[in-house]
Amino acid sequence: MQVLVAIVSEGIRDDLIDALIELPEISGFNLQAIDGYSREHSQYDLREQVAGYRRLCRVEVMHAEEHQAALLARLNTVSAASPIRYWITPLLGCGHLTGA
């Protein structure tokens, strides 16, 4: 197993959710709002330049290695409107804790 982490603009959040929900190779994902900081402010709008950061979304998808190509292809379908930065790391362990 491995974990894909992707950082996307808020503008394509809904398209990203739709694309991932339709993907049969994954059972679910996590999504959270984050503040992205960068030395390159040329892409920032005026509010972002004043604040010093850009509101972004971070998505985490646990998946089998053989589903990586399908997952990246699906992400690529929504990246035309805004680039998506991603990385994939191996998952060393996972499970459910039930307190038992």
PDB file of N, CA and C in Angstrom:
ATOM      1  N   MET A   1       0.838  -1.184   0.000  1.00  0.00           N
ATOM      2  CA  MET A   1       0.000   0.000   0.000  1.00  0.00           C
ATOM      3  C   MET A   1       0.881   1.244   0.000  1.00  0.00           C
ATOM      4  N   GLN A   2       0.299   2.316  -0.493  1.00  0.00           N
ATOM      5  CA  GLN A   2       0.983   3.597  -0.505  1.00  0.00           C
ATOM      6  C   GLN A   2      -0.037   4.715  -0.336  1.00  0.00           C
ATOM      7  N   VAL A   3       0.477   5.924  -0.082  1.00  0.00           N
ATOM      8  CA  VAL A   3      -0.388   7.084   0.126  1.00  0.00           C
ATOM      9  C   VAL A   3      -0.015   8.167  -0.874  1.00  0.00           C
ATOM     10  N   LEU A   4      -1.008   8.634  -1.598  1.00  0.00           N
ATOM     11  CA  LEU A   4      -0.838   9.786  -2.470  1.00  0.00           C
ATOM     12  C   LEU A   4      -1.325  11.005  -1.707  1.00  0.00           C
ATOM     13  N   VAL A   5      -0.506  12.041  -1.677  1.00  0.00           N
ATOM     14  CA  VAL A   5      -0.893  13.331  -1.116  1.00  0.00           C
ATOM     15  C   VAL A   5      -0.875  14.318  -2.268  1.00  0.00           C
ATOM     16  N   ALA A   6      -1.965  15.054  -2.430  1.00  0.00           N
ATOM     17  CA  ALA A   6      -2.053  16.043  -3.503  1.00  0.00           C
ATOM     18  C   ALA A   6      -2.499  17.371  -2.918  1.00  0.00           C
ATOM     19  N   ILE A   7      -1.921  18.438  -3.444  1.00  0.00           N
ATOM     20  CA  ILE A   7      -2.284  19.795  -3.050  1.00  0.00           C
ATOM     21  C   ILE A   7      -2.956  20.447  -4.250  1.00  0.00           C
ATOM     22  N   VAL A   8      -4.185  20.924  -4.041  1.00  0.00           N
ATOM     23  CA  VAL A   8      -4.963  21.497  -5.142  1.00  0.00           C
ATOM     24  C   VAL A   8      -5.526  22.849  -4.730  1.00  0.00           C
ATOM     25  N   SER A   9      -5.819  23.671  -5.715  1.00  0.00           N
ATOM     26  CA  SER A   9      -6.451  24.959  -5.431  1.00  0.00           C
ATOM     27  C   SER A   9      -7.900  24.727  -5.023  1.00  0.00           C
ATOM     28  N   GLU A  10      -8.439  25.657  -4.247  1.00  0.00           N
ATOM     29  CA  GLU A  10      -9.839  25.542  -3.834  1.00  0.00           C
ATOM     30  C   GLU A  10     -10.776  25.568  -5.035  1.00  0.00           C
ATOM     31  N   GLY A  11     -10.329  26.169  -6.137  1.00  0.00           N
ATOM     32  CA  GLY A  11     -11.167  26.285  -7.322  1.00  0.00           C
ATOM     33  C   GLY A  11     -11.515  24.962  -7.982  1.00  0.00           C
ATOM     34  N   ILE A  12     -10.684  23.937  -7.779  1.00  0.00           N
ATOM     35  CA  ILE A  12     -10.982  22.632  -8.393  1.00  0.00           C
ATOM     36  C   ILE A  12     -11.346  21.576  -7.352  1.00  0.00           C
ATOM     37  N   ARG A  13     -11.589  22.011  -6.134  1.00  0.00           N
ATOM     38  CA  ARG A  13     -11.921  21.093  -5.035  1.00  0.00           C
ATOM     39  C   ARG A  13     -13.108  20.196  -5.379  1.00  0.00           C
ATOM     40  N   ASP A  14     -14.200  20.778  -5.824  1.00  0.00           N
ATOM     41  CA  ASP A  14     -15.397  19.985  -6.121  1.00  0.00           C
ATOM     42  C   ASP A  14     -15.165  19.008  -7.267  1.00  0.00           C
ATOM     43  N   ASP A  15     -14.435  19.444  -8.295  1.00  0.00           N
ATOM     44  CA  ASP A  15     -14.115  18.544  -9.410  1.00  0.00           C
ATOM     45  C   ASP A  15     -13.240  17.386  -8.937  1.00  0.00           C
ATOM     46  N   LEU A  16     -12.307  17.679  -8.050  1.00  0.00           N
ATOM     47  CA  LEU A  16     -11.439  16.642  -7.492  1.00  0.00           C
ATOM     48  C   LEU A  16     -12.259  15.623  -6.703  1.00  0.00           C
ATOM     49  N   ILE A  17     -13.153  16.102  -5.868  1.00  0.00           N
ATOM     50  CA  ILE A  17     -14.007  15.202  -5.083  1.00  0.00           C
ATOM     51  C   ILE A  17     -14.818  14.305  -6.007  1.00  0.00           C
ATOM     52  N   ASP A  18     -15.451  14.894  -7.014  1.00  0.00           N
ATOM     53  CA  ASP A  18     -16.246  14.107  -7.966  1.00  0.00           C
ATOM     54  C   ASP A  18     -15.399  13.044  -8.654  1.00  0.00           C
ATOM     55  N   ALA A  19     -14.191  13.432  -9.074  1.00  0.00           N
ATOM     56  CA  ALA A  19     -13.315  12.498  -9.786  1.00  0.00           C
ATOM     57  C   ALA A  19     -12.896  11.334  -8.894  1.00  0.00           C
ATOM     58  N   LEU A  20     -12.572  11.610  -7.639  1.00  0.00           N
ATOM     59  CA  LEU A  20     -12.122  10.547  -6.739  1.00  0.00           C
ATOM     60  C   LEU A  20     -13.266   9.642  -6.299  1.00  0.00           C
ATOM     61  N   ILE A  21     -14.437  10.209  -6.075  1.00  0.00           N
ATOM     62  CA  ILE A  21     -15.582   9.395  -5.655  1.00  0.00           C
ATOM     63  C   ILE A  21     -15.948   8.378  -6.734  1.00  0.00           C
ATOM     64  N   GLU A  22     -15.773   8.750  -7.989  1.00  0.00           N
ATOM     65  CA  GLU A  22     -16.116   7.863  -9.103  1.00  0.00           C
ATOM     66  C   GLU A  22     -15.061   6.788  -9.367  1.00  0.00           C
ATOM     67  N   LEU A  23     -13.925   6.856  -8.707  1.00  0.00           N
ATOM     68  CA  LEU A  23     -12.822   5.928  -8.972  1.00  0.00           C
ATOM     69  C   LEU A  23     -13.020   4.633  -8.183  1.00  0.00           C
ATOM     70  N   PRO A  24     -13.299   3.514  -8.859  1.00  0.00           N
ATOM     71  CA  PRO A  24     -13.593   2.270  -8.142  1.00  0.00           C
ATOM     72  C   PRO A  24     -12.376   1.667  -7.431  1.00  0.00           C
ATOM     73  N   GLU A  25     -11.174   2.077  -7.801  1.00  0.00           N
ATOM     74  CA  GLU A  25      -9.962   1.489  -7.220  1.00  0.00           C
ATOM     75  C   GLU A  25      -9.695   1.942  -5.784  1.00  0.00           C
ATOM     76  N   ILE A  26     -10.350   2.999  -5.324  1.00  0.00           N
ATOM     77  CA  ILE A  26     -10.118   3.476  -3.958  1.00  0.00           C
ATOM     78  C   ILE A  26     -11.419   3.411  -3.162  1.00  0.00           C
ATOM     79  N   SER A  27     -11.282   3.222  -1.853  1.00  0.00           N
ATOM     80  CA  SER A  27     -12.476   3.116  -1.010  1.00  0.00           C
ATOM     81  C   SER A  27     -12.841   4.437  -0.348  1.00  0.00           C
ATOM     82  N   GLY A  28     -11.944   5.401  -0.375  1.00  0.00           N
ATOM     83  CA  GLY A  28     -12.211   6.696   0.239  1.00  0.00           C
ATOM     84  C   GLY A  28     -10.963   7.549   0.248  1.00  0.00           C
ATOM     85  N   PHE A  29     -11.089   8.740   0.798  1.00  0.00           N
ATOM     86  CA  PHE A  29      -9.966   9.671   0.862  1.00  0.00           C
ATOM     87  C   PHE A  29     -10.243  10.696   1.948  1.00  0.00           C
ATOM     88  N   ASN A  30      -9.212  11.437   2.322  1.00  0.00           N
ATOM     89  CA  ASN A  30      -9.333  12.519   3.302  1.00  0.00           C
ATOM     90  C   ASN A  30      -9.033  13.834   2.610  1.00  0.00           C
ATOM     91  N   LEU A  31      -9.749  14.868   3.004  1.00  0.00           N
ATOM     92  CA  LEU A  31      -9.580  16.190   2.403  1.00  0.00           C
ATOM     93  C   LEU A  31      -9.581  17.227   3.512  1.00  0.00           C
ATOM     94  N   GLN A  32      -8.637  18.158   3.445  1.00  0.00           N
ATOM     95  CA  GLN A  32      -8.600  19.217   4.444  1.00  0.00           C
ATOM     96  C   GLN A  32      -8.150  20.524   3.810  1.00  0.00           C
ATOM     97  N   ALA A  33      -8.586  21.631   4.386  1.00  0.00           N
ATOM     98  CA  ALA A  33      -8.156  22.956   3.944  1.00  0.00           C
ATOM     99  C   ALA A  33      -6.811  23.260   4.590  1.00  0.00           C
ATOM    100  N   ILE A  34      -5.907  23.838   3.814  1.00  0.00           N
ATOM    101  CA  ILE A  34      -4.590  24.212   4.331  1.00  0.00           C
ATOM    102  C   ILE A  34      -4.236  25.606   3.837  1.00  0.00           C
ATOM    103  N   ASP A  35      -3.254  26.216   4.469  1.00  0.00           N
ATOM    104  CA  ASP A  35      -2.693  27.486   4.019  1.00  0.00           C
ATOM    105  C   ASP A  35      -1.351  27.190   3.372  1.00  0.00           C
ATOM    106  N   GLY A  36      -1.202  27.564   2.106  1.00  0.00           N
ATOM    107  CA  GLY A  36       0.038  27.312   1.383  1.00  0.00           C
ATOM    108  C   GLY A  36       0.899  28.564   1.317  1.00  0.00           C
ATOM    109  N   TYR A  37       2.146  28.432   1.696  1.00  0.00           N
ATOM    110  CA  TYR A  37       3.092  29.544   1.680  1.00  0.00           C
ATOM    111  C   TYR A  37       4.139  29.284   0.612  1.00  0.00           C
ATOM    112  N   SER A  38       4.553  30.342  -0.075  1.00  0.00           N
ATOM    113  CA  SER A  38       5.538  30.199  -1.138  1.00  0.00           C
ATOM    114  C   SER A  38       6.321  31.497  -1.282  1.00  0.00           C
ATOM    115  N   ARG A  39       7.531  31.387  -1.757  1.00  0.00           N
ATOM    116  CA  ARG A  39       8.315  32.586  -2.058  1.00  0.00           C
ATOM    117  C   ARG A  39       7.898  33.205  -3.379  1.00  0.00           C
ATOM    118  N   GLU A  40       7.205  32.421  -4.194  1.00  0.00           N
ATOM    119  CA  GLU A  40       6.746  32.901  -5.496  1.00  0.00           C
ATOM    120  C   GLU A  40       5.310  33.392  -5.366  1.00  0.00           C
ATOM    121  N   HIS A  41       5.134  34.704  -5.316  1.00  0.00           N
ATOM    122  CA  HIS A  41       3.817  35.294  -5.120  1.00  0.00           C
ATOM    123  C   HIS A  41       3.170  35.751  -6.419  1.00  0.00           C
ATOM    124  N   SER A  42       3.796  35.504  -7.550  1.00  0.00           N
ATOM    125  CA  SER A  42       3.273  36.018  -8.819  1.00  0.00           C
ATOM    126  C   SER A  42       1.902  35.450  -9.156  1.00  0.00           C
ATOM    127  N   GLN A  43       1.582  34.259  -8.664  1.00  0.00           N
ATOM    128  CA  GLN A  43       0.289  33.637  -8.933  1.00  0.00           C
ATOM    129  C   GLN A  43      -0.771  34.033  -7.908  1.00  0.00           C
ATOM    130  N   TYR A  44      -0.393  34.733  -6.858  1.00  0.00           N
ATOM    131  CA  TYR A  44      -1.328  35.105  -5.798  1.00  0.00           C
ATOM    132  C   TYR A  44      -2.205  36.267  -6.243  1.00  0.00           C
ATOM    133  N   ASP A  45      -3.478  36.235  -5.827  1.00  0.00           N
ATOM    134  CA  ASP A  45      -4.325  37.407  -6.055  1.00  0.00           C
ATOM    135  C   ASP A  45      -4.008  38.436  -4.963  1.00  0.00           C
ATOM    136  N   LEU A  46      -4.658  39.590  -5.007  1.00  0.00           N
ATOM    137  CA  LEU A  46      -4.325  40.676  -4.086  1.00  0.00           C
ATOM    138  C   LEU A  46      -4.530  40.269  -2.624  1.00  0.00           C
ATOM    139  N   ARG A  47      -5.646  39.606  -2.319  1.00  0.00           N
ATOM    140  CA  ARG A  47      -5.907  39.180  -0.945  1.00  0.00           C
ATOM    141  C   ARG A  47      -4.824  38.223  -0.462  1.00  0.00           C
ATOM    142  N   GLU A  48      -4.419  37.305  -1.334  1.00  0.00           N
ATOM    143  CA  GLU A  48      -3.392  36.331  -0.968  1.00  0.00           C
ATOM    144  C   GLU A  48      -2.041  37.008  -0.769  1.00  0.00           C
ATOM    145  N   GLN A  49      -1.750  38.019  -1.574  1.00  0.00           N
ATOM    146  CA  GLN A  49      -0.492  38.743  -1.413  1.00  0.00           C
ATOM    147  C   GLN A  49      -0.453  39.472  -0.076  1.00  0.00           C
ATOM    148  N   VAL A  50      -1.573  40.070   0.321  1.00  0.00           N
ATOM    149  CA  VAL A  50      -1.636  40.772   1.604  1.00  0.00           C
ATOM    150  C   VAL A  50      -1.518  39.779   2.757  1.00  0.00           C
ATOM    151  N   ALA A  51      -2.239  38.671   2.671  1.00  0.00           N
ATOM    152  CA  ALA A  51      -2.221  37.668   3.742  1.00  0.00           C
ATOM    153  C   ALA A  51      -0.893  36.924   3.793  1.00  0.00           C
ATOM    154  N   GLY A  52      -0.250  36.741   2.645  1.00  0.00           N
ATOM    155  CA  GLY A  52       1.021  36.030   2.590  1.00  0.00           C
ATOM    156  C   GLY A  52       0.888  34.540   2.338  1.00  0.00           C
ATOM    157  N   TYR A  53      -0.325  34.062   2.123  1.00  0.00           N
ATOM    158  CA  TYR A  53      -0.540  32.646   1.856  1.00  0.00           C
ATOM    159  C   TYR A  53      -1.744  32.475   0.948  1.00  0.00           C
ATOM    160  N   ARG A  54      -1.874  31.270   0.430  1.00  0.00           N
ATOM    161  CA  ARG A  54      -2.997  30.907  -0.441  1.00  0.00           C
ATOM    162  C   ARG A  54      -3.744  29.740   0.197  1.00  0.00           C
ATOM    163  N   ARG A  55      -5.074  29.824   0.183  1.00  0.00           N
ATOM    164  CA  ARG A  55      -5.903  28.725   0.677  1.00  0.00           C
ATOM    165  C   ARG A  55      -5.875  27.602  -0.350  1.00  0.00           C
ATOM    166  N   LEU A  56      -5.548  26.409   0.107  1.00  0.00           N
ATOM    167  CA  LEU A  56      -5.454  25.237  -0.751  1.00  0.00           C
ATOM    168  C   LEU A  56      -6.174  24.070  -0.081  1.00  0.00           C
ATOM    169  N   CYS A  57      -6.285  22.975  -0.798  1.00  0.00           N
ATOM    170  CA  CYS A  57      -6.842  21.740  -0.253  1.00  0.00           C
ATOM    171  C   CYS A  57      -5.788  20.649  -0.353  1.00  0.00           C
ATOM    172  N   ARG A  58      -5.733  19.828   0.671  1.00  0.00           N
ATOM    173  CA  ARG A  58      -4.820  18.680   0.699  1.00  0.00           C
ATOM    174  C   ARG A  58      -5.674  17.423   0.726  1.00  0.00           C
ATOM    175  N   VAL A  59      -5.409  16.530  -0.196  1.00  0.00           N
ATOM    176  CA  VAL A  59      -6.143  15.264  -0.243  1.00  0.00           C
ATOM    177  C   VAL A  59      -5.150  14.127  -0.031  1.00  0.00           C
ATOM    178  N   GLU A  60      -5.558  13.141   0.753  1.00  0.00           N
ATOM    179  CA  GLU A  60      -4.747  11.951   1.006  1.00  0.00           C
ATOM    180  C   GLU A  60      -5.539  10.732   0.555  1.00  0.00           C
ATOM    181  N   VAL A  61      -4.902   9.909  -0.261  1.00  0.00           N
ATOM    182  CA  VAL A  61      -5.570   8.724  -0.796  1.00  0.00           C
ATOM    183  C   VAL A  61      -4.678   7.508  -0.557  1.00  0.00           C
ATOM    184  N   MET A  62      -5.160   6.570   0.240  1.00  0.00           N
ATOM    185  CA  MET A  62      -4.460   5.312   0.441  1.00  0.00           C
ATOM    186  C   MET A  62      -4.879   4.378  -0.696  1.00  0.00           C
ATOM    187  N   HIS A  63      -3.890   3.757  -1.344  1.00  0.00           N
ATOM    188  CA  HIS A  63      -4.208   2.921  -2.503  1.00  0.00           C
ATOM    189  C   HIS A  63      -3.135   1.851  -2.706  1.00  0.00           C
ATOM    190  N   ALA A  64      -3.508   0.827  -3.440  1.00  0.00           N
ATOM    191  CA  ALA A  64      -2.556  -0.220  -3.808  1.00  0.00           C
ATOM    192  C   ALA A  64      -1.659   0.300  -4.931  1.00  0.00           C
ATOM    193  N   GLU A  65      -0.434  -0.158  -4.950  1.00  0.00           N
ATOM    194  CA  GLU A  65       0.527   0.302  -5.954  1.00  0.00           C
ATOM    195  C   GLU A  65       0.019   0.085  -7.375  1.00  0.00           C
ATOM    196  N   GLU A  66      -0.693  -1.010  -7.614  1.00  0.00           N
ATOM    197  CA  GLU A  66      -1.182  -1.283  -8.971  1.00  0.00           C
ATOM    198  C   GLU A  66      -2.286  -0.314  -9.408  1.00  0.00           C
ATOM    199  N   HIS A  67      -2.824   0.476  -8.487  1.00  0.00           N
ATOM    200  CA  HIS A  67      -3.857   1.460  -8.838  1.00  0.00           C
ATOM    201  C   HIS A  67      -3.292   2.868  -9.015  1.00  0.00           C
ATOM    202  N   GLN A  68      -1.986   3.015  -8.870  1.00  0.00           N
ATOM    203  CA  GLN A  68      -1.351   4.327  -8.965  1.00  0.00           C
ATOM    204  C   GLN A  68      -1.604   4.988 -10.314  1.00  0.00           C
ATOM    205  N   ALA A  69      -1.437   4.274 -11.403  1.00  0.00           N
ATOM    206  CA  ALA A  69      -1.610   4.865 -12.737  1.00  0.00           C
ATOM    207  C   ALA A  69      -3.040   5.358 -12.940  1.00  0.00           C
ATOM    208  N   ALA A  70      -4.020   4.572 -12.511  1.00  0.00           N
ATOM    209  CA  ALA A  70      -5.425   4.981 -12.657  1.00  0.00           C
ATOM    210  C   ALA A  70      -5.726   6.206 -11.809  1.00  0.00           C
ATOM    211  N   LEU A  71      -5.173   6.250 -10.616  1.00  0.00           N
ATOM    212  CA  LEU A  71      -5.387   7.387  -9.724  1.00  0.00           C
ATOM    213  C   LEU A  71      -4.779   8.661 -10.307  1.00  0.00           C
ATOM    214  N   LEU A  72      -3.546   8.573 -10.788  1.00  0.00           N
ATOM    215  CA  LEU A  72      -2.900   9.746 -11.388  1.00  0.00           C
ATOM    216  C   LEU A  72      -3.613  10.190 -12.661  1.00  0.00           C
ATOM    217  N   ALA A  73      -4.077   9.240 -13.450  1.00  0.00           N
ATOM    218  CA  ALA A  73      -4.821   9.593 -14.663  1.00  0.00           C
ATOM    219  C   ALA A  73      -6.100  10.339 -14.306  1.00  0.00           C
ATOM    220  N   ARG A  74      -6.781   9.904 -13.254  1.00  0.00           N
ATOM    221  CA  ARG A  74      -8.006  10.577 -12.828  1.00  0.00           C
ATOM    222  C   ARG A  74      -7.702  11.984 -12.324  1.00  0.00           C
ATOM    223  N   LEU A  75      -6.639  12.147 -11.545  1.00  0.00           N
ATOM    224  CA  LEU A  75      -6.252  13.482 -11.084  1.00  0.00           C
ATOM    225  C   LEU A  75      -5.902  14.385 -12.256  1.00  0.00           C
ATOM    226  N   ASN A  76      -5.280  13.815 -13.262  1.00  0.00           N
ATOM    227  CA  ASN A  76      -4.885  14.595 -14.430  1.00  0.00           C
ATOM    228  C   ASN A  76      -6.095  15.176 -15.158  1.00  0.00           C
ATOM    229  N   THR A  77      -7.243  14.512 -15.075  1.00  0.00           N
ATOM    230  CA  THR A  77      -8.434  15.020 -15.759  1.00  0.00           C
ATOM    231  C   THR A  77      -8.932  16.325 -15.156  1.00  0.00           C
ATOM    232  N   VAL A  78      -8.647  16.574 -13.892  1.00  0.00           N
ATOM    233  CA  VAL A  78      -9.093  17.824 -13.266  1.00  0.00           C
ATOM    234  C   VAL A  78      -7.981  18.865 -13.166  1.00  0.00           C
ATOM    235  N   SER A  79      -6.770  18.520 -13.572  1.00  0.00           N
ATOM    236  CA  SER A  79      -5.642  19.442 -13.415  1.00  0.00           C
ATOM    237  C   SER A  79      -5.536  20.475 -14.529  1.00  0.00           C
ATOM    238  N   ALA A  80      -6.352  20.366 -15.572  1.00  0.00           N
ATOM    239  CA  ALA A  80      -6.275  21.337 -16.668  1.00  0.00           C
ATOM    240  C   ALA A  80      -6.620  22.743 -16.184  1.00  0.00           C
ATOM    241  N   ALA A  81      -7.549  22.849 -15.248  1.00  0.00           N
ATOM    242  CA  ALA A  81      -7.966  24.157 -14.738  1.00  0.00           C
ATOM    243  C   ALA A  81      -6.951  24.744 -13.766  1.00  0.00           C
ATOM    244  N   SER A  82      -6.206  23.891 -13.086  1.00  0.00           N
ATOM    245  CA  SER A  82      -5.229  24.340 -12.099  1.00  0.00           C
ATOM    246  C   SER A  82      -4.262  23.192 -11.824  1.00  0.00           C
ATOM    247  N   PRO A  83      -2.958  23.447 -11.865  1.00  0.00           N
ATOM    248  CA  PRO A  83      -1.986  22.373 -11.637  1.00  0.00           C
ATOM    249  C   PRO A  83      -2.162  21.723 -10.260  1.00  0.00           C
ATOM    250  N   ILE A  84      -1.846  20.450 -10.199  1.00  0.00           N
ATOM    251  CA  ILE A  84      -1.915  19.690  -8.950  1.00  0.00           C
ATOM    252  C   ILE A  84      -0.507  19.232  -8.596  1.00  0.00           C
ATOM    253  N   ARG A  85      -0.074  19.540  -7.390  1.00  0.00           N
ATOM    254  CA  ARG A  85       1.213  19.036  -6.893  1.00  0.00           C
ATOM    255  C   ARG A  85       0.927  17.777  -6.085  1.00  0.00           C
ATOM    256  N   TYR A  86       1.710  16.724  -6.302  1.00  0.00           N
ATOM    257  CA  TYR A  86       1.463  15.481  -5.569  1.00  0.00           C
ATOM    258  C   TYR A  86       2.773  14.789  -5.244  1.00  0.00           C
ATOM    259  N   TRP A  87       2.693  13.888  -4.279  1.00  0.00           N
ATOM    260  CA  TRP A  87       3.779  12.958  -3.985  1.00  0.00           C
ATOM    261  C   TRP A  87       3.162  11.668  -3.458  1.00  0.00           C
ATOM    262  N   ILE A  88       3.908  10.599  -3.615  1.00  0.00           N
ATOM    263  CA  ILE A  88       3.448   9.278  -3.198  1.00  0.00           C
ATOM    264  C   ILE A  88       4.511   8.678  -2.287  1.00  0.00           C
ATOM    265  N   THR A  89       4.072   8.151  -1.151  1.00  0.00           N
ATOM    266  CA  THR A  89       4.992   7.530  -0.209  1.00  0.00           C
ATOM    267  C   THR A  89       4.496   6.130   0.154  1.00  0.00           C
ATOM    268  N   PRO A  90       5.425   5.227   0.471  1.00  0.00           N
ATOM    269  CA  PRO A  90       4.999   3.892   0.902  1.00  0.00           C
ATOM    270  C   PRO A  90       4.304   3.976   2.261  1.00  0.00           C
ATOM    271  N   LEU A  91       3.368   3.096   2.462  1.00  0.00           N
ATOM    272  CA  LEU A  91       2.641   3.010   3.727  1.00  0.00           C
ATOM    273  C   LEU A  91       3.231   1.847   4.515  1.00  0.00           C
ATOM    274  N   LEU A  92       3.831   2.140   5.649  1.00  0.00           N
ATOM    275  CA  LEU A  92       4.511   1.112   6.438  1.00  0.00           C
ATOM    276  C   LEU A  92       3.562   0.302   7.302  1.00  0.00           C
ATOM    277  N   GLY A  93       2.404   0.831   7.552  1.00  0.00           N
ATOM    278  CA  GLY A  93       1.428   0.107   8.357  1.00  0.00           C
ATOM    279  C   GLY A  93       0.113   0.856   8.382  1.00  0.00           C
ATOM    280  N   CYS A  94      -0.960   0.123   8.623  1.00  0.00           N
ATOM    281  CA  CYS A  94      -2.275   0.752   8.751  1.00  0.00           C
ATOM    282  C   CYS A  94      -3.207  -0.225   9.448  1.00  0.00           C
ATOM    283  N   GLY A  95      -4.300   0.270   9.925  1.00  0.00           N
ATOM    284  CA  GLY A  95      -5.269  -0.574  10.603  1.00  0.00           C
ATOM    285  C   GLY A  95      -6.311   0.278  11.281  1.00  0.00           C
ATOM    286  N   HIS A  96      -7.109  -0.357  12.114  1.00  0.00           N
ATOM    287  CA  HIS A  96      -8.146   0.329  12.881  1.00  0.00           C
ATOM    288  C   HIS A  96      -7.928   0.019  14.357  1.00  0.00           C
ATOM    289  N   LEU A  97      -7.962   1.034  15.184  1.00  0.00           N
ATOM    290  CA  LEU A  97      -7.872   0.849  16.631  1.00  0.00           C
ATOM    291  C   LEU A  97      -9.284   0.924  17.195  1.00  0.00           C
ATOM    292  N   THR A  98      -9.664  -0.065  17.966  1.00  0.00           N
ATOM    293  CA  THR A  98     -11.038  -0.133  18.460  1.00  0.00           C
ATOM    294  C   THR A  98     -11.143  -0.016  19.976  1.00  0.00           C
ATOM    295  N   GLY A  99     -10.014   0.127  20.649  1.00  0.00           N
ATOM    296  CA  GLY A  99     -10.047   0.236  22.100  1.00  0.00           C
ATOM    297  C   GLY A  99     -10.273  -1.081  22.817  1.00  0.00           C
ATOM    298  N   ALA A 100     -10.276  -2.153  22.077  1.00  0.00           N
ATOM    299  CA  ALA A 100     -10.516  -3.470  22.688  1.00  0.00           C
ATOM    300  C   ALA A 100      -9.221  -4.098  23.154  1.00  0.00           C
TER     301      ALA A 100
END
